[in-house]
Amino acid sequence: MPTLRESLTSTLVIIIASAIVIFLIAPLDATEWASSMRAGAGEEGGEGMPGGIFGLVAAFIKITLLMGIPGLITLGVRRLSRRIRAWRAA
């Protein structure tokens, strides 16, 4: 089981990497391309977007699926690799 220091270290690495990506992408917000993308999304998304509580639940489900499925696949590959290593060691 990882210690608190190991957990914090990996978490900080992920946060720092995310911050770097955000700061690199942030200048794109002021470009003409971003403005055209926002205008196009506003026209298309206005009709089909659910509102109210259903919209919040749908957004939560979307985020859960988009993050959960790759996470479960990663865990499966990790367990499989550990079993293969244990099988080779035996």
PDB file of N, CA and C in Angstrom:
ATOM      1  N   MET A   1       0.852  -1.170   0.000  1.00  0.00           N
ATOM      2  CA  MET A   1       0.000   0.000   0.000  1.00  0.00           C
ATOM      3  C   MET A   1       0.899   1.234   0.000  1.00  0.00           C
ATOM      4  N   PRO A   2       0.592   2.191  -0.912  1.00  0.00           N
ATOM      5  CA  PRO A   2       1.448   3.385  -0.979  1.00  0.00           C
ATOM      6  C   PRO A   2       1.303   4.266   0.253  1.00  0.00           C
ATOM      7  N   THR A   3       2.399   4.869   0.621  1.00  0.00           N
ATOM      8  CA  THR A   3       2.379   5.791   1.763  1.00  0.00           C
ATOM      9  C   THR A   3       1.791   7.130   1.328  1.00  0.00           C
ATOM     10  N   LEU A   4       1.542   7.974   2.294  1.00  0.00           N
ATOM     11  CA  LEU A   4       0.988   9.293   2.005  1.00  0.00           C
ATOM     12  C   LEU A   4       1.947  10.105   1.151  1.00  0.00           C
ATOM     13  N   ARG A   5       3.231   9.998   1.423  1.00  0.00           N
ATOM     14  CA  ARG A   5       4.233  10.745   0.651  1.00  0.00           C
ATOM     15  C   ARG A   5       4.233  10.292  -0.811  1.00  0.00           C
ATOM     16  N   GLU A   6       4.146   8.981  -1.061  1.00  0.00           N
ATOM     17  CA  GLU A   6       4.107   8.480  -2.435  1.00  0.00           C
ATOM     18  C   GLU A   6       2.842   8.940  -3.143  1.00  0.00           C
ATOM     19  N   SER A   7       1.724   8.922  -2.449  1.00  0.00           N
ATOM     20  CA  SER A   7       0.464   9.360  -3.040  1.00  0.00           C
ATOM     21  C   SER A   7       0.492  10.845  -3.361  1.00  0.00           C
ATOM     22  N   LEU A   8       1.017  11.639  -2.448  1.00  0.00           N
ATOM     23  CA  LEU A   8       1.098  13.076  -2.680  1.00  0.00           C
ATOM     24  C   LEU A   8       2.043  13.398  -3.822  1.00  0.00           C
ATOM     25  N   THR A   9       3.127  12.674  -3.923  1.00  0.00           N
ATOM     26  CA  THR A   9       4.093  12.923  -4.988  1.00  0.00           C
ATOM     27  C   THR A   9       3.455  12.690  -6.357  1.00  0.00           C
ATOM     28  N   SER A  10       2.777  11.565  -6.524  1.00  0.00           N
ATOM     29  CA  SER A  10       2.152  11.287  -7.814  1.00  0.00           C
ATOM     30  C   SER A  10       1.020  12.271  -8.105  1.00  0.00           C
ATOM     31  N   THR A  11       0.277  12.657  -7.075  1.00  0.00           N
ATOM     32  CA  THR A  11      -0.793  13.629  -7.262  1.00  0.00           C
ATOM     33  C   THR A  11      -0.236  14.985  -7.668  1.00  0.00           C
ATOM     34  N   LEU A  12       0.846  15.413  -7.033  1.00  0.00           N
ATOM     35  CA  LEU A  12       1.465  16.690  -7.394  1.00  0.00           C
ATOM     36  C   LEU A  12       2.018  16.680  -8.808  1.00  0.00           C
ATOM     37  N   VAL A  13       2.566  15.558  -9.233  1.00  0.00           N
ATOM     38  CA  VAL A  13       3.076  15.456 -10.599  1.00  0.00           C
ATOM     39  C   VAL A  13       1.934  15.629 -11.595  1.00  0.00           C
ATOM     40  N   ILE A  14       0.808  15.009 -11.334  1.00  0.00           N
ATOM     41  CA  ILE A  14      -0.352  15.130 -12.227  1.00  0.00           C
ATOM     42  C   ILE A  14      -0.874  16.562 -12.230  1.00  0.00           C
ATOM     43  N   ILE A  15      -0.956  17.189 -11.065  1.00  0.00           N
ATOM     44  CA  ILE A  15      -1.445  18.568 -10.982  1.00  0.00           C
ATOM     45  C   ILE A  15      -0.500  19.520 -11.715  1.00  0.00           C
ATOM     46  N   ILE A  16       0.794  19.343 -11.551  1.00  0.00           N
ATOM     47  CA  ILE A  16       1.753  20.213 -12.229  1.00  0.00           C
ATOM     48  C   ILE A  16       1.687  20.022 -13.740  1.00  0.00           C
ATOM     49  N   ALA A  17       1.576  18.781 -14.192  1.00  0.00           N
ATOM     50  CA  ALA A  17       1.455  18.526 -15.633  1.00  0.00           C
ATOM     51  C   ALA A  17       0.176  19.148 -16.186  1.00  0.00           C
ATOM     52  N   SER A  18      -0.911  19.041 -15.451  1.00  0.00           N
ATOM     53  CA  SER A  18      -2.167  19.646 -15.880  1.00  0.00           C
ATOM     54  C   SER A  18      -2.052  21.165 -15.946  1.00  0.00           C
ATOM     55  N   ALA A  19      -1.413  21.754 -14.971  1.00  0.00           N
ATOM     56  CA  ALA A  19      -1.240  23.205 -14.958  1.00  0.00           C
ATOM     57  C   ALA A  19      -0.407  23.672 -16.144  1.00  0.00           C
ATOM     58  N   ILE A  20       0.631  22.926 -16.473  1.00  0.00           N
ATOM     59  CA  ILE A  20       1.466  23.284 -17.628  1.00  0.00           C
ATOM     60  C   ILE A  20       0.642  23.249 -18.907  1.00  0.00           C
ATOM     61  N   VAL A  21      -0.145  22.204 -19.079  1.00  0.00           N
ATOM     62  CA  VAL A  21      -0.990  22.099 -20.273  1.00  0.00           C
ATOM     63  C   VAL A  21      -1.995  23.241 -20.325  1.00  0.00           C
ATOM     64  N   ILE A  22      -2.604  23.562 -19.203  1.00  0.00           N
ATOM     65  CA  ILE A  22      -3.583  24.657 -19.158  1.00  0.00           C
ATOM     66  C   ILE A  22      -2.920  25.980 -19.526  1.00  0.00           C
ATOM     67  N   PHE A  23      -1.731  26.253 -18.977  1.00  0.00           N
ATOM     68  CA  PHE A  23      -1.052  27.508 -19.279  1.00  0.00           C
ATOM     69  C   PHE A  23      -0.581  27.568 -20.732  1.00  0.00           C
ATOM     70  N   LEU A  24      -0.288  26.424 -21.334  1.00  0.00           N
ATOM     71  CA  LEU A  24       0.096  26.420 -22.740  1.00  0.00           C
ATOM     72  C   LEU A  24      -1.107  26.635 -23.657  1.00  0.00           C
ATOM     73  N   ILE A  25      -2.270  26.149 -23.249  1.00  0.00           N
ATOM     74  CA  ILE A  25      -3.472  26.259 -24.072  1.00  0.00           C
ATOM     75  C   ILE A  25      -4.200  27.584 -23.843  1.00  0.00           C
ATOM     76  N   ALA A  26      -4.030  28.207 -22.709  1.00  0.00           N
ATOM     77  CA  ALA A  26      -4.756  29.432 -22.356  1.00  0.00           C
ATOM     78  C   ALA A  26      -4.629  30.547 -23.395  1.00  0.00           C
ATOM     79  N   PRO A  27      -3.474  30.792 -24.000  1.00  0.00           N
ATOM     80  CA  PRO A  27      -3.413  31.866 -25.011  1.00  0.00           C
ATOM     81  C   PRO A  27      -4.309  31.607 -26.232  1.00  0.00           C
ATOM     82  N   LEU A  28      -4.663  30.376 -26.491  1.00  0.00           N
ATOM     83  CA  LEU A  28      -5.550  30.077 -27.618  1.00  0.00           C
ATOM     84  C   LEU A  28      -6.938  30.672 -27.423  1.00  0.00           C
ATOM     85  N   ASP A  29      -7.299  30.978 -26.195  1.00  0.00           N
ATOM     86  CA  ASP A  29      -8.620  31.514 -25.903  1.00  0.00           C
ATOM     87  C   ASP A  29      -8.868  32.858 -26.570  1.00  0.00           C
ATOM     88  N   ALA A  30      -7.835  33.624 -26.782  1.00  0.00           N
ATOM     89  CA  ALA A  30      -7.975  34.958 -27.355  1.00  0.00           C
ATOM     90  C   ALA A  30      -7.901  34.973 -28.883  1.00  0.00           C
ATOM     91  N   THR A  31      -7.762  33.831 -29.530  1.00  0.00           N
ATOM     92  CA  THR A  31      -7.619  33.788 -30.981  1.00  0.00           C
ATOM     93  C   THR A  31      -8.974  33.829 -31.679  1.00  0.00           C
ATOM     94  N   GLU A  32      -8.922  34.160 -32.940  1.00  0.00           N
ATOM     95  CA  GLU A  32     -10.122  34.190 -33.772  1.00  0.00           C
ATOM     96  C   GLU A  32     -10.698  32.786 -33.939  1.00  0.00           C
ATOM     97  N   TRP A  33      -9.807  31.801 -34.004  1.00  0.00           N
ATOM     98  CA  TRP A  33     -10.243  30.418 -34.153  1.00  0.00           C
ATOM     99  C   TRP A  33     -11.117  29.996 -32.977  1.00  0.00           C
ATOM    100  N   ALA A  34     -10.723  30.354 -31.768  1.00  0.00           N
ATOM    101  CA  ALA A  34     -11.504  30.002 -30.586  1.00  0.00           C
ATOM    102  C   ALA A  34     -12.851  30.705 -30.600  1.00  0.00           C
ATOM    103  N   SER A  35     -12.883  31.945 -31.038  1.00  0.00           N
ATOM    104  CA  SER A  35     -14.150  32.680 -31.109  1.00  0.00           C
ATOM    105  C   SER A  35     -15.100  32.026 -32.098  1.00  0.00           C
ATOM    106  N   SER A  36     -14.571  31.590 -33.228  1.00  0.00           N
ATOM    107  CA  SER A  36     -15.433  30.926 -34.214  1.00  0.00           C
ATOM    108  C   SER A  36     -15.924  29.576 -33.700  1.00  0.00           C
ATOM    109  N   MET A  37     -15.087  28.878 -32.944  1.00  0.00           N
ATOM    110  CA  MET A  37     -15.510  27.598 -32.372  1.00  0.00           C
ATOM    111  C   MET A  37     -16.635  27.810 -31.357  1.00  0.00           C
ATOM    112  N   ARG A  38     -16.503  28.834 -30.518  1.00  0.00           N
ATOM    113  CA  ARG A  38     -17.547  29.124 -29.534  1.00  0.00           C
ATOM    114  C   ARG A  38     -18.846  29.533 -30.215  1.00  0.00           C
ATOM    115  N   ALA A  39     -18.754  30.319 -31.265  1.00  0.00           N
ATOM    116  CA  ALA A  39     -19.963  30.751 -31.976  1.00  0.00           C
ATOM    117  C   ALA A  39     -20.646  29.558 -32.624  1.00  0.00           C
ATOM    118  N   GLY A  40     -19.865  28.663 -33.218  1.00  0.00           N
ATOM    119  CA  GLY A  40     -20.440  27.468 -33.847  1.00  0.00           C
ATOM    120  C   GLY A  40     -21.048  26.533 -32.826  1.00  0.00           C
ATOM    121  N   ALA A  41     -20.441  26.398 -31.677  1.00  0.00           N
ATOM    122  CA  ALA A  41     -20.964  25.513 -30.636  1.00  0.00           C
ATOM    123  C   ALA A  41     -22.243  26.083 -30.045  1.00  0.00           C
ATOM    124  N   GLY A  42     -22.335  27.404 -29.945  1.00  0.00           N
ATOM    125  CA  GLY A  42     -23.537  28.028 -29.409  1.00  0.00           C
ATOM    126  C   GLY A  42     -24.729  27.827 -30.318  1.00  0.00           C
ATOM    127  N   GLU A  43     -24.505  27.857 -31.622  1.00  0.00           N
ATOM    128  CA  GLU A  43     -25.591  27.662 -32.573  1.00  0.00           C
ATOM    129  C   GLU A  43     -26.064  26.222 -32.583  1.00  0.00           C
ATOM    130  N   GLU A  44     -25.135  25.275 -32.570  1.00  0.00           N
ATOM    131  CA  GLU A  44     -25.496  23.863 -32.658  1.00  0.00           C
ATOM    132  C   GLU A  44     -25.993  23.313 -31.331  1.00  0.00           C
ATOM    133  N   GLY A  45     -25.386  23.708 -30.217  1.00  0.00           N
ATOM    134  CA  GLY A  45     -25.694  23.103 -28.928  1.00  0.00           C
ATOM    135  C   GLY A  45     -26.931  23.644 -28.260  1.00  0.00           C
ATOM    136  N   GLY A  46     -27.467  24.739 -28.725  1.00  0.00           N
ATOM    137  CA  GLY A  46     -28.601  25.361 -28.066  1.00  0.00           C
ATOM    138  C   GLY A  46     -29.866  24.531 -28.113  1.00  0.00           C
ATOM    139  N   GLU A  47     -30.098  23.800 -29.190  1.00  0.00           N
ATOM    140  CA  GLU A  47     -31.336  23.053 -29.339  1.00  0.00           C
ATOM    141  C   GLU A  47     -31.303  21.717 -28.603  1.00  0.00           C
ATOM    142  N   GLY A  48     -30.196  21.007 -28.688  1.00  0.00           N
ATOM    143  CA  GLY A  48     -30.164  19.650 -28.159  1.00  0.00           C
ATOM    144  C   GLY A  48     -29.710  19.508 -26.721  1.00  0.00           C
ATOM    145  N   MET A  49     -29.305  20.585 -26.080  1.00  0.00           N
ATOM    146  CA  MET A  49     -28.786  20.482 -24.720  1.00  0.00           C
ATOM    147  C   MET A  49     -29.923  20.405 -23.708  1.00  0.00           C
ATOM    148  N   PRO A  50     -29.928  19.371 -22.873  1.00  0.00           N
ATOM    149  CA  PRO A  50     -30.961  19.292 -21.847  1.00  0.00           C
ATOM    150  C   PRO A  50     -30.710  20.311 -20.742  1.00  0.00           C
ATOM    151  N   GLY A  51     -31.771  20.744 -20.081  1.00  0.00           N
ATOM    152  CA  GLY A  51     -31.619  21.738 -19.036  1.00  0.00           C
ATOM    153  C   GLY A  51     -32.043  21.200 -17.691  1.00  0.00           C
ATOM    154  N   GLY A  52     -31.858  22.003 -16.668  1.00  0.00           N
ATOM    155  CA  GLY A  52     -32.304  21.647 -15.329  1.00  0.00           C
ATOM    156  C   GLY A  52     -31.501  20.525 -14.717  1.00  0.00           C
ATOM    157  N   ILE A  53     -32.177  19.763 -13.880  1.00  0.00           N
ATOM    158  CA  ILE A  53     -31.541  18.646 -13.157  1.00  0.00           C
ATOM    159  C   ILE A  53     -31.062  17.573 -14.128  1.00  0.00           C
ATOM    160  N   PHE A  54     -31.846  17.318 -15.165  1.00  0.00           N
ATOM    161  CA  PHE A  54     -31.447  16.290 -16.130  1.00  0.00           C
ATOM    162  C   PHE A  54     -30.124  16.651 -16.800  1.00  0.00           C
ATOM    163  N   GLY A  55     -29.919  17.926 -17.083  1.00  0.00           N
ATOM    164  CA  GLY A  55     -28.662  18.370 -17.675  1.00  0.00           C
ATOM    165  C   GLY A  55     -27.474  18.138 -16.757  1.00  0.00           C
ATOM    166  N   LEU A  56     -27.670  18.380 -15.465  1.00  0.00           N
ATOM    167  CA  LEU A  56     -26.594  18.145 -14.498  1.00  0.00           C
ATOM    168  C   LEU A  56     -26.268  16.665 -14.379  1.00  0.00           C
ATOM    169  N   VAL A  57     -27.313  15.833 -14.342  1.00  0.00           N
ATOM    170  CA  VAL A  57     -27.108  14.391 -14.232  1.00  0.00           C
ATOM    171  C   VAL A  57     -26.444  13.857 -15.502  1.00  0.00           C
ATOM    172  N   ALA A  58     -26.883  14.346 -16.662  1.00  0.00           N
ATOM    173  CA  ALA A  58     -26.283  13.906 -17.921  1.00  0.00           C
ATOM    174  C   ALA A  58     -24.811  14.292 -17.989  1.00  0.00           C
ATOM    175  N   ALA A  59     -24.470  15.489 -17.532  1.00  0.00           N
ATOM    176  CA  ALA A  59     -23.069  15.914 -17.527  1.00  0.00           C
ATOM    177  C   ALA A  59     -22.240  15.049 -16.578  1.00  0.00           C
ATOM    178  N   PHE A  60     -22.797  14.723 -15.420  1.00  0.00           N
ATOM    179  CA  PHE A  60     -22.088  13.875 -14.466  1.00  0.00           C
ATOM    180  C   PHE A  60     -21.859  12.478 -15.042  1.00  0.00           C
ATOM    181  N   ILE A  61     -22.871  11.927 -15.693  1.00  0.00           N
ATOM    182  CA  ILE A  61     -22.738  10.594 -16.306  1.00  0.00           C
ATOM    183  C   ILE A  61     -21.689  10.631 -17.407  1.00  0.00           C
ATOM    184  N   LYS A  62     -21.697  11.691 -18.211  1.00  0.00           N
ATOM    185  CA  LYS A  62     -20.721  11.818 -19.293  1.00  0.00           C
ATOM    186  C   LYS A  62     -19.299  11.839 -18.736  1.00  0.00           C
ATOM    187  N   ILE A  63     -19.075  12.644 -17.711  1.00  0.00           N
ATOM    188  CA  ILE A  63     -17.740  12.732 -17.114  1.00  0.00           C
ATOM    189  C   ILE A  63     -17.336  11.395 -16.498  1.00  0.00           C
ATOM    190  N   THR A  64     -18.278  10.750 -15.814  1.00  0.00           N
ATOM    191  CA  THR A  64     -17.984   9.460 -15.194  1.00  0.00           C
ATOM    192  C   THR A  64     -17.591   8.423 -16.235  1.00  0.00           C
ATOM    193  N   LEU A  65     -18.313   8.373 -17.328  1.00  0.00           N
ATOM    194  CA  LEU A  65     -17.996   7.404 -18.376  1.00  0.00           C
ATOM    195  C   LEU A  65     -16.675   7.730 -19.059  1.00  0.00           C
ATOM    196  N   LEU A  66     -16.457   9.007 -19.370  1.00  0.00           N
ATOM    197  CA  LEU A  66     -15.230   9.376 -20.073  1.00  0.00           C
ATOM    198  C   LEU A  66     -13.979   9.192 -19.221  1.00  0.00           C
ATOM    199  N   MET A  67     -14.127   9.260 -17.903  1.00  0.00           N
ATOM    200  CA  MET A  67     -12.971   9.046 -17.035  1.00  0.00           C
ATOM    201  C   MET A  67     -12.929   7.620 -16.496  1.00  0.00           C
ATOM    202  N   GLY A  68     -14.097   7.034 -16.273  1.00  0.00           N
ATOM    203  CA  GLY A  68     -14.154   5.721 -15.653  1.00  0.00           C
ATOM    204  C   GLY A  68     -13.743   4.585 -16.560  1.00  0.00           C
ATOM    205  N   ILE A  69     -14.176   4.632 -17.816  1.00  0.00           N
ATOM    206  CA  ILE A  69     -13.853   3.537 -18.732  1.00  0.00           C
ATOM    207  C   ILE A  69     -12.348   3.420 -18.973  1.00  0.00           C
ATOM    208  N   PRO A  70     -11.651   4.513 -19.306  1.00  0.00           N
ATOM    209  CA  PRO A  70     -10.186   4.372 -19.433  1.00  0.00           C
ATOM    210  C   PRO A  70      -9.507   3.966 -18.126  1.00  0.00           C
ATOM    211  N   GLY A  71     -10.042   4.423 -17.001  1.00  0.00           N
ATOM    212  CA  GLY A  71      -9.475   4.035 -15.715  1.00  0.00           C
ATOM    213  C   GLY A  71      -9.616   2.540 -15.461  1.00  0.00           C
ATOM    214  N   LEU A  72     -10.790   1.999 -15.764  1.00  0.00           N
ATOM    215  CA  LEU A  72     -11.005   0.561 -15.590  1.00  0.00           C
ATOM    216  C   LEU A  72     -10.144  -0.252 -16.550  1.00  0.00           C
ATOM    217  N   ILE A  73      -9.989   0.228 -17.761  1.00  0.00           N
ATOM    218  CA  ILE A  73      -9.114  -0.462 -18.711  1.00  0.00           C
ATOM    219  C   ILE A  73      -7.683  -0.459 -18.203  1.00  0.00           C
ATOM    220  N   THR A  74      -7.236   0.675 -17.658  1.00  0.00           N
ATOM    221  CA  THR A  74      -5.883   0.768 -17.108  1.00  0.00           C
ATOM    222  C   THR A  74      -5.691  -0.191 -15.945  1.00  0.00           C
ATOM    223  N   LEU A  75      -6.688  -0.255 -15.054  1.00  0.00           N
ATOM    224  CA  LEU A  75      -6.590  -1.200 -13.940  1.00  0.00           C
ATOM    225  C   LEU A  75      -6.540  -2.635 -14.428  1.00  0.00           C
ATOM    226  N   GLY A  76      -7.324  -2.956 -15.432  1.00  0.00           N
ATOM    227  CA  GLY A  76      -7.314  -4.309 -15.983  1.00  0.00           C
ATOM    228  C   GLY A  76      -5.972  -4.669 -16.583  1.00  0.00           C
ATOM    229  N   VAL A  77      -5.375  -3.739 -17.334  1.00  0.00           N
ATOM    230  CA  VAL A  77      -4.059  -3.989 -17.926  1.00  0.00           C
ATOM    231  C   VAL A  77      -3.011  -4.125 -16.835  1.00  0.00           C
ATOM    232  N   ARG A  78      -3.118  -3.312 -15.800  1.00  0.00           N
ATOM    233  CA  ARG A  78      -2.162  -3.378 -14.686  1.00  0.00           C
ATOM    234  C   ARG A  78      -2.247  -4.732 -13.969  1.00  0.00           C
ATOM    235  N   ARG A  79      -3.469  -5.179 -13.693  1.00  0.00           N
ATOM    236  CA  ARG A  79      -3.625  -6.484 -13.036  1.00  0.00           C
ATOM    237  C   ARG A  79      -3.118  -7.619 -13.922  1.00  0.00           C
ATOM    238  N   LEU A  80      -3.400  -7.528 -15.218  1.00  0.00           N
ATOM    239  CA  LEU A  80      -2.944  -8.555 -16.141  1.00  0.00           C
ATOM    240  C   LEU A  80      -1.425  -8.593 -16.205  1.00  0.00           C
ATOM    241  N   SER A  81      -0.786  -7.426 -16.229  1.00  0.00           N
ATOM    242  CA  SER A  81       0.678  -7.400 -16.283  1.00  0.00           C
ATOM    243  C   SER A  81       1.282  -7.956 -14.997  1.00  0.00           C
ATOM    244  N   ARG A  82       0.648  -7.686 -13.853  1.00  0.00           N
ATOM    245  CA  ARG A  82       1.154  -8.246 -12.589  1.00  0.00           C
ATOM    246  C   ARG A  82       1.014  -9.762 -12.572  1.00  0.00           C
ATOM    247  N   ARG A  83      -0.104 -10.271 -13.091  1.00  0.00           N
ATOM    248  CA  ARG A  83      -0.281 -11.731 -13.141  1.00  0.00           C
ATOM    249  C   ARG A  83       0.738 -12.374 -14.062  1.00  0.00           C
ATOM    250  N   ILE A  84       1.022 -11.728 -15.187  1.00  0.00           N
ATOM    251  CA  ILE A  84       2.002 -12.283 -16.124  1.00  0.00           C
ATOM    252  C   ILE A  84       3.392 -12.277 -15.497  1.00  0.00           C
ATOM    253  N   ARG A  85       3.734 -11.185 -14.795  1.00  0.00           N
ATOM    254  CA  ARG A  85       5.028 -11.144 -14.118  1.00  0.00           C
ATOM    255  C   ARG A  85       5.138 -12.213 -13.034  1.00  0.00           C
ATOM    256  N   ALA A  86       4.068 -12.408 -12.285  1.00  0.00           N
ATOM    257  CA  ALA A  86       4.084 -13.442 -11.246  1.00  0.00           C
ATOM    258  C   ALA A  86       4.169 -14.836 -11.862  1.00  0.00           C
ATOM    259  N   TRP A  87       3.511 -15.015 -12.970  1.00  0.00           N
ATOM    260  CA  TRP A  87       3.538 -16.322 -13.651  1.00  0.00           C
ATOM    261  C   TRP A  87       4.932 -16.610 -14.204  1.00  0.00           C
ATOM    262  N   ARG A  88       5.593 -15.579 -14.758  1.00  0.00           N
ATOM    263  CA  ARG A  88       6.949 -15.760 -15.282  1.00  0.00           C
ATOM    264  C   ARG A  88       7.954 -16.014 -14.148  1.00  0.00           C
ATOM    265  N   ALA A  89       7.736 -15.385 -12.997  1.00  0.00           N
ATOM    266  CA  ALA A  89       8.655 -15.536 -11.874  1.00  0.00           C
ATOM    267  C   ALA A  89       8.541 -16.919 -11.242  1.00  0.00           C
ATOM    268  N   ALA A  90       7.371 -17.530 -11.368  1.00  0.00           N
ATOM    269  CA  ALA A  90       7.153 -18.827 -10.719  1.00  0.00           C
ATOM    270  C   ALA A  90       7.798 -19.963 -11.466  1.00  0.00           C
TER     271      ALA A  90
END
